[in-house]
Amino acid sequence: MAKRLQVCRNCKRFTTEKSCHTCKSTNLSTSWKGLVIITDESSEIAKTLNITEKGKYALYVG
C-alpha cells in the first residue's frame, strides 16, 4: 500500500511520514494547491518563498 502524501503546514514541504523531516512538525495536511520543486536554494524563487533547502513544496496548504 502506498503511503499518503501530505504537506507540512509550517514549512509547506511534502512528506509521506507522520511528521515533517525538515521542521519536525506533526501539523500535516492533505489539502494543498500548487507545487514548486527547488533544486537551487539560492534561486530567486527560493528566496522569495523563504525556502532554504532543496525539495518539493506546496504553494498553498489548507
C-alpha atoms as a PDB file:
ATOM      1  CA  MET A   1       0.000   0.000   0.000  1.00  0.00           C
ATOM      2  CA  ALA A   2       1.336   3.433  -0.950  1.00  0.00           C
ATOM      3  CA  LYS A   3       1.903   5.987   1.787  1.00  0.00           C
ATOM      4  CA  ARG A   4      -0.334   9.048   1.781  1.00  0.00           C
ATOM      5  CA  LEU A   5       1.276  12.252   0.513  1.00  0.00           C
ATOM      6  CA  GLN A   6       0.896  15.127   2.985  1.00  0.00           C
ATOM      7  CA  VAL A   7       2.189  18.681   3.289  1.00  0.00           C
ATOM      8  CA  CYS A   8       3.585  20.314   6.409  1.00  0.00           C
ATOM      9  CA  ARG A   9       1.526  23.357   7.374  1.00  0.00           C
ATOM     10  CA  ASN A  10       4.618  25.054   8.857  1.00  0.00           C
ATOM     11  CA  CYS A  11       7.229  24.781   6.088  1.00  0.00           C
ATOM     12  CA  LYS A  12       4.980  23.536   3.208  1.00  0.00           C
ATOM     13  CA  ARG A  13       7.270  20.613   2.411  1.00  0.00           C
ATOM     14  CA  PHE A  14       5.821  17.331   1.112  1.00  0.00           C
ATOM     15  CA  THR A  15       6.194  14.161   3.184  1.00  0.00           C
ATOM     16  CA  THR A  16       4.842  10.621   3.370  1.00  0.00           C
ATOM     17  CA  GLU A  17       5.820  10.233   7.035  1.00  0.00           C
ATOM     18  CA  LYS A  18       3.859  11.042  10.216  1.00  0.00           C
ATOM     19  CA  SER A  19       5.961  14.165  10.790  1.00  0.00           C
ATOM     20  CA  CYS A  20       7.911  16.616   8.641  1.00  0.00           C
ATOM     21  CA  HIS A  21      11.572  15.630   8.354  1.00  0.00           C
ATOM     22  CA  THR A  22      12.578  19.267   7.800  1.00  0.00           C
ATOM     23  CA  CYS A  23      10.957  21.075  10.749  1.00  0.00           C
ATOM     24  CA  LYS A  24       9.796  18.003  12.751  1.00  0.00           C
ATOM     25  CA  SER A  25       6.195  19.285  12.894  1.00  0.00           C
ATOM     26  CA  THR A  26       3.244  16.871  13.020  1.00  0.00           C
ATOM     27  CA  ASN A  27       0.872  19.587  11.733  1.00  0.00           C
ATOM     28  CA  LEU A  28       0.278  17.997   8.297  1.00  0.00           C
ATOM     29  CA  SER A  29      -2.469  18.378   5.691  1.00  0.00           C
ATOM     30  CA  THR A  30      -3.641  16.547   2.575  1.00  0.00           C
ATOM     31  CA  SER A  31      -5.255  19.742   1.252  1.00  0.00           C
ATOM     32  CA  TRP A  32      -2.814  21.758  -0.869  1.00  0.00           C
ATOM     33  CA  LYS A  33      -2.514  23.696  -4.136  1.00  0.00           C
ATOM     34  CA  GLY A  34       0.435  24.333  -6.413  1.00  0.00           C
ATOM     35  CA  LEU A  35       3.792  22.613  -6.446  1.00  0.00           C
ATOM     36  CA  VAL A  36       7.284  24.042  -6.702  1.00  0.00           C
ATOM     37  CA  ILE A  37      10.457  21.963  -6.828  1.00  0.00           C
ATOM     38  CA  ILE A  38      13.534  23.760  -5.538  1.00  0.00           C
ATOM     39  CA  THR A  39      16.835  22.487  -6.948  1.00  0.00           C
ATOM     40  CA  ASP A  40      18.911  25.562  -6.061  1.00  0.00           C
ATOM     41  CA  GLU A  41      18.388  27.207  -2.655  1.00  0.00           C
ATOM     42  CA  SER A  42      19.983  30.422  -3.886  1.00  0.00           C
ATOM     43  CA  SER A  43      17.446  30.898  -6.723  1.00  0.00           C
ATOM     44  CA  GLU A  44      15.155  33.928  -6.772  1.00  0.00           C
ATOM     45  CA  ILE A  45      12.091  31.704  -6.327  1.00  0.00           C
ATOM     46  CA  ALA A  46      13.578  30.017  -3.240  1.00  0.00           C
ATOM     47  CA  LYS A  47      14.479  33.416  -1.781  1.00  0.00           C
ATOM     48  CA  THR A  48      11.002  34.817  -2.480  1.00  0.00           C
ATOM     49  CA  LEU A  49       9.356  31.815  -0.820  1.00  0.00           C
ATOM     50  CA  ASN A  50      11.891  31.799   2.068  1.00  0.00           C
ATOM     51  CA  ILE A  51      12.994  28.247   1.234  1.00  0.00           C
ATOM     52  CA  THR A  52      16.490  27.286   2.346  1.00  0.00           C
ATOM     53  CA  GLU A  53      16.548  23.590   1.423  1.00  0.00           C
ATOM     54  CA  LYS A  54      16.109  21.648  -1.829  1.00  0.00           C
ATOM     55  CA  GLY A  55      12.854  19.688  -2.191  1.00  0.00           C
ATOM     56  CA  LYS A  56       9.161  19.697  -3.152  1.00  0.00           C
ATOM     57  CA  TYR A  57       6.962  22.403  -1.631  1.00  0.00           C
ATOM     58  CA  ALA A  58       3.280  23.349  -1.857  1.00  0.00           C
ATOM     59  CA  LEU A  59       2.379  26.933  -2.672  1.00  0.00           C
ATOM     60  CA  TYR A  60      -0.796  26.808  -0.533  1.00  0.00           C
ATOM     61  CA  VAL A  61      -1.706  24.469   2.324  1.00  0.00           C
ATOM     62  CA  GLY A  62      -5.323  24.258   3.504  1.00  0.00           C
END
